[in-house]
Amino acid sequence: LTTFSIANDVAKYFAIIPAMFMGLFPGLAVLNIMGL
């Protein structure tokens, strides 16, 4: 469960980081691979 906990943070980066800065840096949309 420690392995799972640390690993699932990777996916959250792709959810939150693009969402926070896409308005300022449209190029970050390419990281929105989930198409949120």
PDB file of all heavy atoms in Angstrom:
ATOM      1  N   LEU A   1       0.819  -1.206   0.000  1.00  0.00           N
ATOM      2  CA  LEU A   1       0.000   0.000   0.000  1.00  0.00           C
ATOM      3  C   LEU A   1       0.864   1.272   0.000  1.00  0.00           C
ATOM      4  O   LEU A   1       0.433   2.311  -0.496  1.00  0.00           O
ATOM      5  CB  LEU A   1      -0.949  -0.008   1.199  1.00  0.00           C
ATOM      6  CG  LEU A   1      -2.040  -1.086   1.124  1.00  0.00           C
ATOM      7  CD1 LEU A   1      -2.999  -0.978   2.299  1.00  0.00           C
ATOM      8  CD2 LEU A   1      -2.821  -0.992  -0.179  1.00  0.00           C
ATOM      9  N   THR A   2       2.072   1.179   0.551  1.00  0.00           N
ATOM     10  CA  THR A   2       2.987   2.320   0.440  1.00  0.00           C
ATOM     11  C   THR A   2       3.388   2.529  -1.016  1.00  0.00           C
ATOM     12  O   THR A   2       3.415   3.663  -1.514  1.00  0.00           O
ATOM     13  CB  THR A   2       4.245   2.086   1.300  1.00  0.00           C
ATOM     14  OG1 THR A   2       3.858   1.915   2.670  1.00  0.00           O
ATOM     15  CG2 THR A   2       5.201   3.267   1.192  1.00  0.00           C
ATOM     16  N   THR A   3       3.685   1.433  -1.715  1.00  0.00           N
ATOM     17  CA  THR A   3       4.020   1.515  -3.144  1.00  0.00           C
ATOM     18  C   THR A   3       2.857   2.106  -3.935  1.00  0.00           C
ATOM     19  O   THR A   3       3.045   2.983  -4.781  1.00  0.00           O
ATOM     20  CB  THR A   3       4.359   0.116  -3.690  1.00  0.00           C
ATOM     21  OG1 THR A   3       5.437  -0.439  -2.928  1.00  0.00           O
ATOM     22  CG2 THR A   3       4.764   0.178  -5.154  1.00  0.00           C
ATOM     23  N   PHE A   4       1.647   1.633  -3.637  1.00  0.00           N
ATOM     24  CA  PHE A   4       0.459   2.132  -4.341  1.00  0.00           C
ATOM     25  C   PHE A   4       0.263   3.619  -4.067  1.00  0.00           C
ATOM     26  O   PHE A   4      -0.026   4.402  -4.977  1.00  0.00           O
ATOM     27  CB  PHE A   4      -0.773   1.343  -3.897  1.00  0.00           C
ATOM     28  CG  PHE A   4      -2.044   1.755  -4.583  1.00  0.00           C
ATOM     29  CD1 PHE A   4      -2.444   1.151  -5.756  1.00  0.00           C
ATOM     30  CD2 PHE A   4      -2.848   2.765  -4.059  1.00  0.00           C
ATOM     31  CE1 PHE A   4      -3.612   1.528  -6.398  1.00  0.00           C
ATOM     32  CE2 PHE A   4      -4.005   3.152  -4.686  1.00  0.00           C
ATOM     33  CZ  PHE A   4      -4.394   2.533  -5.863  1.00  0.00           C
ATOM     34  N   SER A   5       0.423   4.020  -2.813  1.00  0.00           N
ATOM     35  CA  SER A   5       0.183   5.410  -2.431  1.00  0.00           C
ATOM     36  C   SER A   5       1.129   6.361  -3.154  1.00  0.00           C
ATOM     37  O   SER A   5       0.712   7.402  -3.678  1.00  0.00           O
ATOM     38  CB  SER A   5       0.345   5.562  -0.916  1.00  0.00           C
ATOM     39  OG  SER A   5       0.160   6.901  -0.516  1.00  0.00           O
ATOM     40  N   ILE A   6       2.406   5.996  -3.197  1.00  0.00           N
ATOM     41  CA  ILE A   6       3.383   6.876  -3.853  1.00  0.00           C
ATOM     42  C   ILE A   6       3.184   6.864  -5.368  1.00  0.00           C
ATOM     43  O   ILE A   6       3.282   7.896  -6.040  1.00  0.00           O
ATOM     44  CB  ILE A   6       4.809   6.440  -3.474  1.00  0.00           C
ATOM     45  CG1 ILE A   6       5.029   6.667  -1.967  1.00  0.00           C
ATOM     46  CG2 ILE A   6       5.843   7.205  -4.288  1.00  0.00           C
ATOM     47  CD1 ILE A   6       6.355   6.143  -1.446  1.00  0.00           C
ATOM     48  N   ALA A   7       2.854   5.678  -5.924  1.00  0.00           N
ATOM     49  CA  ALA A   7       2.686   5.573  -7.374  1.00  0.00           C
ATOM     50  C   ALA A   7       1.475   6.347  -7.873  1.00  0.00           C
ATOM     51  O   ALA A   7       1.509   6.947  -8.959  1.00  0.00           O
ATOM     52  CB  ALA A   7       2.563   4.104  -7.780  1.00  0.00           C
ATOM     53  N   ASN A   8       0.375   6.358  -7.092  1.00  0.00           N
ATOM     54  CA  ASN A   8      -0.810   7.031  -7.634  1.00  0.00           C
ATOM     55  C   ASN A   8      -0.686   8.556  -7.624  1.00  0.00           C
ATOM     56  O   ASN A   8      -1.500   9.253  -8.225  1.00  0.00           O
ATOM     57  CB  ASN A   8      -2.106   6.574  -6.943  1.00  0.00           C
ATOM     58  CG  ASN A   8      -2.233   7.035  -5.505  1.00  0.00           C
ATOM     59  OD1 ASN A   8      -1.662   8.036  -5.089  1.00  0.00           O
ATOM     60  ND2 ASN A   8      -3.005   6.284  -4.726  1.00  0.00           N
ATOM     61  N   ASP A   9       0.363   9.074  -6.939  1.00  0.00           N
ATOM     62  CA  ASP A   9       0.608  10.512  -7.023  1.00  0.00           C
ATOM     63  C   ASP A   9       1.030  10.927  -8.433  1.00  0.00           C
ATOM     64  O   ASP A   9       0.804  12.068  -8.852  1.00  0.00           O
ATOM     65  CB  ASP A   9       1.706  10.925  -6.034  1.00  0.00           C
ATOM     66  CG  ASP A   9       1.202  10.922  -4.591  1.00  0.00           C
ATOM     67  OD1 ASP A   9      -0.027  10.938  -4.418  1.00  0.00           O
ATOM     68  OD2 ASP A   9       2.029  10.891  -3.671  1.00  0.00           O
ATOM     69  N   VAL A  10       1.655   9.979  -9.167  1.00  0.00           N
ATOM     70  CA  VAL A  10       2.115  10.293 -10.524  1.00  0.00           C
ATOM     71  C   VAL A  10       0.951  10.739 -11.392  1.00  0.00           C
ATOM     72  O   VAL A  10       1.025  11.737 -12.130  1.00  0.00           O
ATOM     73  CB  VAL A  10       2.818   9.068 -11.143  1.00  0.00           C
ATOM     74  CG1 VAL A  10       3.179   9.338 -12.601  1.00  0.00           C
ATOM     75  CG2 VAL A  10       4.062   8.713 -10.341  1.00  0.00           C
ATOM     76  N   ALA A  11      -0.156  10.008 -11.328  1.00  0.00           N
ATOM     77  CA  ALA A  11      -1.322  10.348 -12.152  1.00  0.00           C
ATOM     78  C   ALA A  11      -1.928  11.679 -11.727  1.00  0.00           C
ATOM     79  O   ALA A  11      -2.447  12.428 -12.564  1.00  0.00           O
ATOM     80  CB  ALA A  11      -2.362   9.243 -12.059  1.00  0.00           C
ATOM     81  N   LYS A  12      -1.850  11.978 -10.431  1.00  0.00           N
ATOM     82  CA  LYS A  12      -2.445  13.235  -9.961  1.00  0.00           C
ATOM     83  C   LYS A  12      -1.690  14.445 -10.508  1.00  0.00           C
ATOM     84  O   LYS A  12      -2.267  15.511 -10.703  1.00  0.00           O
ATOM     85  CB  LYS A  12      -2.464  13.260  -8.430  1.00  0.00           C
ATOM     86  CG  LYS A  12      -3.332  12.165  -7.804  1.00  0.00           C
ATOM     87  CD  LYS A  12      -3.156  12.142  -6.298  1.00  0.00           C
ATOM     88  CE  LYS A  12      -3.742  10.887  -5.694  1.00  0.00           C
ATOM     89  NZ  LYS A  12      -3.424  10.758  -4.256  1.00  0.00           N
ATOM     90  N   TYR A  13      -0.375  14.253 -10.735  1.00  0.00           N
ATOM     91  CA  TYR A  13       0.376  15.354 -11.341  1.00  0.00           C
ATOM     92  C   TYR A  13      -0.230  15.733 -12.689  1.00  0.00           C
ATOM     93  O   TYR A  13      -0.379  16.907 -13.016  1.00  0.00           O
ATOM     94  CB  TYR A  13       1.842  14.956 -11.562  1.00  0.00           C
ATOM     95  CG  TYR A  13       2.601  14.572 -10.314  1.00  0.00           C
ATOM     96  CD1 TYR A  13       3.678  13.684 -10.385  1.00  0.00           C
ATOM     97  CD2 TYR A  13       2.260  15.081  -9.070  1.00  0.00           C
ATOM     98  CE1 TYR A  13       4.388  13.323  -9.252  1.00  0.00           C
ATOM     99  CE2 TYR A  13       2.961  14.727  -7.934  1.00  0.00           C
ATOM    100  CZ  TYR A  13       4.018  13.844  -8.032  1.00  0.00           C
ATOM    101  OH  TYR A  13       4.719  13.490  -6.914  1.00  0.00           O
ATOM    102  N   PHE A  14      -0.591  14.719 -13.478  1.00  0.00           N
ATOM    103  CA  PHE A  14      -1.144  14.967 -14.813  1.00  0.00           C
ATOM    104  C   PHE A  14      -2.563  15.524 -14.751  1.00  0.00           C
ATOM    105  O   PHE A  14      -3.069  16.046 -15.730  1.00  0.00           O
ATOM    106  CB  PHE A  14      -1.140  13.675 -15.642  1.00  0.00           C
ATOM    107  CG  PHE A  14       0.225  13.253 -16.076  1.00  0.00           C
ATOM    108  CD1 PHE A  14       0.975  12.372 -15.322  1.00  0.00           C
ATOM    109  CD2 PHE A  14       0.775  13.763 -17.243  1.00  0.00           C
ATOM    110  CE1 PHE A  14       2.246  11.986 -15.718  1.00  0.00           C
ATOM    111  CE2 PHE A  14       2.056  13.379 -17.645  1.00  0.00           C
ATOM    112  CZ  PHE A  14       2.789  12.492 -16.886  1.00  0.00           C
ATOM    113  N   ALA A  15      -3.207  15.413 -13.597  1.00  0.00           N
ATOM    114  CA  ALA A  15      -4.555  15.961 -13.455  1.00  0.00           C
ATOM    115  C   ALA A  15      -4.507  17.411 -12.985  1.00  0.00           C
ATOM    116  O   ALA A  15      -5.203  18.279 -13.524  1.00  0.00           O
ATOM    117  CB  ALA A  15      -5.365  15.119 -12.480  1.00  0.00           C
ATOM    118  N   ILE A  16      -3.683  17.702 -11.979  1.00  0.00           N
ATOM    119  CA  ILE A  16      -3.740  19.010 -11.329  1.00  0.00           C
ATOM    120  C   ILE A  16      -2.785  20.034 -11.948  1.00  0.00           C
ATOM    121  O   ILE A  16      -3.164  21.184 -12.176  1.00  0.00           O
ATOM    122  CB  ILE A  16      -3.456  18.857  -9.819  1.00  0.00           C
ATOM    123  CG1 ILE A  16      -4.610  18.097  -9.165  1.00  0.00           C
ATOM    124  CG2 ILE A  16      -3.286  20.202  -9.152  1.00  0.00           C
ATOM    125  CD1 ILE A  16      -4.549  18.015  -7.675  1.00  0.00           C
ATOM    126  N   ILE A  17      -1.526  19.650 -12.212  1.00  0.00           N
ATOM    127  CA  ILE A  17      -0.552  20.628 -12.711  1.00  0.00           C
ATOM    128  C   ILE A  17      -1.024  21.295 -14.010  1.00  0.00           C
ATOM    129  O   ILE A  17      -1.022  22.534 -14.110  1.00  0.00           O
ATOM    130  CB  ILE A  17       0.833  19.976 -12.889  1.00  0.00           C
ATOM    131  CG1 ILE A  17       1.341  19.438 -11.541  1.00  0.00           C
ATOM    132  CG2 ILE A  17       1.830  20.968 -13.484  1.00  0.00           C
ATOM    133  CD1 ILE A  17       1.549  20.501 -10.490  1.00  0.00           C
ATOM    134  N   PRO A  18      -1.457  20.522 -15.033  1.00  0.00           N
ATOM    135  CA  PRO A  18      -1.966  21.200 -16.240  1.00  0.00           C
ATOM    136  C   PRO A  18      -3.168  22.078 -15.951  1.00  0.00           C
ATOM    137  O   PRO A  18      -3.320  23.167 -16.509  1.00  0.00           O
ATOM    138  CB  PRO A  18      -2.327  20.044 -17.176  1.00  0.00           C
ATOM    139  CG  PRO A  18      -1.521  18.892 -16.694  1.00  0.00           C
ATOM    140  CD  PRO A  18      -1.450  19.058 -15.218  1.00  0.00           C
ATOM    141  N   ALA A  19      -4.052  21.599 -15.047  1.00  0.00           N
ATOM    142  CA  ALA A  19      -5.265  22.359 -14.734  1.00  0.00           C
ATOM    143  C   ALA A  19      -4.929  23.691 -14.084  1.00  0.00           C
ATOM    144  O   ALA A  19      -5.619  24.696 -14.287  1.00  0.00           O
ATOM    145  CB  ALA A  19      -6.165  21.538 -13.810  1.00  0.00           C
ATOM    146  N   MET A  20      -3.855  23.735 -13.317  1.00  0.00           N
ATOM    147  CA  MET A  20      -3.500  24.964 -12.612  1.00  0.00           C
ATOM    148  C   MET A  20      -2.917  26.020 -13.551  1.00  0.00           C
ATOM    149  O   MET A  20      -3.106  27.216 -13.345  1.00  0.00           O
ATOM    150  CB  MET A  20      -2.492  24.652 -11.498  1.00  0.00           C
ATOM    151  CG  MET A  20      -3.084  23.866 -10.334  1.00  0.00           C
ATOM    152  SD  MET A  20      -1.828  23.440  -9.111  1.00  0.00           S
ATOM    153  CE  MET A  20      -1.289  25.056  -8.600  1.00  0.00           C
ATOM    154  N   PHE A  21      -2.212  25.581 -14.579  1.00  0.00           N
ATOM    155  CA  PHE A  21      -1.447  26.554 -15.375  1.00  0.00           C
ATOM    156  C   PHE A  21      -1.815  26.609 -16.861  1.00  0.00           C
ATOM    157  O   PHE A  21      -1.184  27.343 -17.611  1.00  0.00           O
ATOM    158  CB  PHE A  21       0.057  26.242 -15.246  1.00  0.00           C
ATOM    159  CG  PHE A  21       0.591  26.420 -13.863  1.00  0.00           C
ATOM    160  CD1 PHE A  21       0.844  25.322 -13.059  1.00  0.00           C
ATOM    161  CD2 PHE A  21       0.818  27.689 -13.355  1.00  0.00           C
ATOM    162  CE1 PHE A  21       1.338  25.486 -11.775  1.00  0.00           C
ATOM    163  CE2 PHE A  21       1.313  27.863 -12.078  1.00  0.00           C
ATOM    164  CZ  PHE A  21       1.572  26.759 -11.268  1.00  0.00           C
ATOM    165  N   MET A  22      -2.827  25.837 -17.281  1.00  0.00           N
ATOM    166  CA  MET A  22      -3.179  25.859 -18.703  1.00  0.00           C
ATOM    167  C   MET A  22      -3.654  27.231 -19.155  1.00  0.00           C
ATOM    168  O   MET A  22      -3.458  27.624 -20.304  1.00  0.00           O
ATOM    169  CB  MET A  22      -4.258  24.810 -19.010  1.00  0.00           C
ATOM    170  CG  MET A  22      -3.683  23.427 -19.301  1.00  0.00           C
ATOM    171  SD  MET A  22      -4.902  22.309 -20.026  1.00  0.00           S
ATOM    172  CE  MET A  22      -6.195  22.323 -18.818  1.00  0.00           C
ATOM    173  N   GLY A  23      -4.305  27.965 -18.214  1.00  0.00           N
ATOM    174  CA  GLY A  23      -4.783  29.297 -18.592  1.00  0.00           C
ATOM    175  C   GLY A  23      -3.647  30.246 -18.913  1.00  0.00           C
ATOM    176  O   GLY A  23      -3.769  31.140 -19.752  1.00  0.00           O
ATOM    177  N   LEU A  24      -2.514  30.058 -18.232  1.00  0.00           N
ATOM    178  CA  LEU A  24      -1.358  30.921 -18.436  1.00  0.00           C
ATOM    179  C   LEU A  24      -0.429  30.385 -19.524  1.00  0.00           C
ATOM    180  O   LEU A  24       0.109  31.135 -20.329  1.00  0.00           O
ATOM    181  CB  LEU A  24      -0.590  31.063 -17.117  1.00  0.00           C
ATOM    182  CG  LEU A  24       0.630  31.997 -17.137  1.00  0.00           C
ATOM    183  CD1 LEU A  24       0.196  33.433 -17.454  1.00  0.00           C
ATOM    184  CD2 LEU A  24       1.342  31.942 -15.790  1.00  0.00           C
ATOM    185  N   PHE A  25      -0.284  29.050 -19.514  1.00  0.00           N
ATOM    186  CA  PHE A  25       0.597  28.412 -20.496  1.00  0.00           C
ATOM    187  C   PHE A  25      -0.204  27.378 -21.281  1.00  0.00           C
ATOM    188  O   PHE A  25      -0.260  26.199 -20.884  1.00  0.00           O
ATOM    189  CB  PHE A  25       1.785  27.732 -19.794  1.00  0.00           C
ATOM    190  CG  PHE A  25       2.589  28.653 -18.935  1.00  0.00           C
ATOM    191  CD1 PHE A  25       2.527  28.575 -17.546  1.00  0.00           C
ATOM    192  CD2 PHE A  25       3.412  29.612 -19.509  1.00  0.00           C
ATOM    193  CE1 PHE A  25       3.271  29.412 -16.750  1.00  0.00           C
ATOM    194  CE2 PHE A  25       4.168  30.468 -18.715  1.00  0.00           C
ATOM    195  CZ  PHE A  25       4.090  30.377 -17.331  1.00  0.00           C
ATOM    196  N   PRO A  26      -0.841  27.763 -22.360  1.00  0.00           N
ATOM    197  CA  PRO A  26      -1.678  26.832 -23.145  1.00  0.00           C
ATOM    198  C   PRO A  26      -0.911  25.591 -23.594  1.00  0.00           C
ATOM    199  O   PRO A  26      -1.514  24.528 -23.812  1.00  0.00           O
ATOM    200  CB  PRO A  26      -2.105  27.679 -24.344  1.00  0.00           C
ATOM    201  CG  PRO A  26      -2.013  29.089 -23.856  1.00  0.00           C
ATOM    202  CD  PRO A  26      -0.859  29.125 -22.916  1.00  0.00           C
ATOM    203  N   GLY A  27       0.400  25.696 -23.714  1.00  0.00           N
ATOM    204  CA  GLY A  27       1.178  24.536 -24.144  1.00  0.00           C
ATOM    205  C   GLY A  27       1.105  23.375 -23.175  1.00  0.00           C
ATOM    206  O   GLY A  27       1.357  22.218 -23.551  1.00  0.00           O
ATOM    207  N   LEU A  28       0.731  23.646 -21.906  1.00  0.00           N
ATOM    208  CA  LEU A  28       0.614  22.569 -20.920  1.00  0.00           C
ATOM    209  C   LEU A  28      -0.576  21.654 -21.193  1.00  0.00           C
ATOM    210  O   LEU A  28      -0.702  20.596 -20.570  1.00  0.00           O
ATOM    211  CB  LEU A  28       0.489  23.153 -19.501  1.00  0.00           C
ATOM    212  CG  LEU A  28       1.762  23.777 -18.911  1.00  0.00           C
ATOM    213  CD1 LEU A  28       1.465  24.368 -17.546  1.00  0.00           C
ATOM    214  CD2 LEU A  28       2.858  22.717 -18.797  1.00  0.00           C
ATOM    215  N   ALA A  29      -1.443  22.070 -22.110  1.00  0.00           N
ATOM    216  CA  ALA A  29      -2.599  21.235 -22.447  1.00  0.00           C
ATOM    217  C   ALA A  29      -2.167  19.866 -22.950  1.00  0.00           C
ATOM    218  O   ALA A  29      -2.904  18.873 -22.836  1.00  0.00           O
ATOM    219  CB  ALA A  29      -3.460  21.936 -23.496  1.00  0.00           C
ATOM    220  N   VAL A  30      -0.968  19.794 -23.524  1.00  0.00           N
ATOM    221  CA  VAL A  30      -0.475  18.514 -24.019  1.00  0.00           C
ATOM    222  C   VAL A  30      -0.300  17.502 -22.882  1.00  0.00           C
ATOM    223  O   VAL A  30      -0.339  16.288 -23.091  1.00  0.00           O
ATOM    224  CB  VAL A  30       0.856  18.707 -24.781  1.00  0.00           C
ATOM    225  CG1 VAL A  30       1.868  19.328 -23.961  1.00  0.00           C
ATOM    226  CG2 VAL A  30       1.361  17.389 -25.361  1.00  0.00           C
ATOM    227  N   LEU A  31      -0.103  17.998 -21.647  1.00  0.00           N
ATOM    228  CA  LEU A  31       0.019  17.097 -20.491  1.00  0.00           C
ATOM    229  C   LEU A  31      -1.329  16.622 -19.973  1.00  0.00           C
ATOM    230  O   LEU A  31      -1.389  15.721 -19.131  1.00  0.00           O
ATOM    231  CB  LEU A  31       0.771  17.801 -19.351  1.00  0.00           C
ATOM    232  CG  LEU A  31       2.238  18.168 -19.642  1.00  0.00           C
ATOM    233  CD1 LEU A  31       2.841  18.879 -18.442  1.00  0.00           C
ATOM    234  CD2 LEU A  31       3.040  16.918 -19.989  1.00  0.00           C
ATOM    235  N   ASN A  32      -2.412  17.241 -20.478  1.00  0.00           N
ATOM    236  CA  ASN A  32      -3.757  16.834 -20.051  1.00  0.00           C
ATOM    237  C   ASN A  32      -4.155  15.569 -20.810  1.00  0.00           C
ATOM    238  O   ASN A  32      -5.118  15.550 -21.577  1.00  0.00           O
ATOM    239  CB  ASN A  32      -4.748  17.971 -20.304  1.00  0.00           C
ATOM    240  CG  ASN A  32      -6.140  17.646 -19.756  1.00  0.00           C
ATOM    241  OD1 ASN A  32      -6.304  16.768 -18.902  1.00  0.00           O
ATOM    242  ND2 ASN A  32      -7.149  18.338 -20.279  1.00  0.00           N
ATOM    243  N   ILE A  33      -3.371  14.496 -20.602  1.00  0.00           N
ATOM    244  CA  ILE A  33      -3.573  13.274 -21.381  1.00  0.00           C
ATOM    245  C   ILE A  33      -4.865  12.562 -21.021  1.00  0.00           C
ATOM    246  O   ILE A  33      -5.321  11.693 -21.758  1.00  0.00           O
ATOM    247  CB  ILE A  33      -2.372  12.321 -21.198  1.00  0.00           C
ATOM    248  CG1 ILE A  33      -2.196  11.951 -19.720  1.00  0.00           C
ATOM    249  CG2 ILE A  33      -1.110  12.939 -21.762  1.00  0.00           C
ATOM    250  CD1 ILE A  33      -1.077  10.973 -19.474  1.00  0.00           C
ATOM    251  N   MET A  34      -5.472  12.922 -19.865  1.00  0.00           N
ATOM    252  CA  MET A  34      -6.751  12.323 -19.506  1.00  0.00           C
ATOM    253  C   MET A  34      -7.912  13.034 -20.191  1.00  0.00           C
ATOM    254  O   MET A  34      -9.043  12.562 -20.135  1.00  0.00           O
ATOM    255  CB  MET A  34      -6.939  12.357 -17.982  1.00  0.00           C
ATOM    256  CG  MET A  34      -6.092  11.342 -17.242  1.00  0.00           C
ATOM    257  SD  MET A  34      -6.414  11.354 -15.468  1.00  0.00           S
ATOM    258  CE  MET A  34      -5.183  12.522 -14.924  1.00  0.00           C
ATOM    259  N   GLY A  35      -7.631  14.166 -20.792  1.00  0.00           N
ATOM    260  CA  GLY A  35      -8.700  14.915 -21.447  1.00  0.00           C
ATOM    261  C   GLY A  35      -9.747  15.397 -20.471  1.00  0.00           C
ATOM    262  O   GLY A  35     -10.954  15.311 -20.741  1.00  0.00           O
ATOM    263  N   LEU A  36      -9.314  15.920 -19.334  1.00  0.00           N
ATOM    264  CA  LEU A  36     -10.246  16.372 -18.312  1.00  0.00           C
ATOM    265  C   LEU A  36     -10.998  17.609 -18.796  1.00  0.00           C
ATOM    266  O   LEU A  36     -10.491  18.420 -19.574  1.00  0.00           O
ATOM    267  CB  LEU A  36      -9.493  16.657 -17.013  1.00  0.00           C
ATOM    268  CG  LEU A  36      -8.728  15.432 -16.448  1.00  0.00           C
ATOM    269  CD1 LEU A  36      -8.003  15.806 -15.171  1.00  0.00           C
ATOM    270  CD2 LEU A  36      -9.663  14.253 -16.209  1.00  0.00           C
TER     271      LEU A  36
END
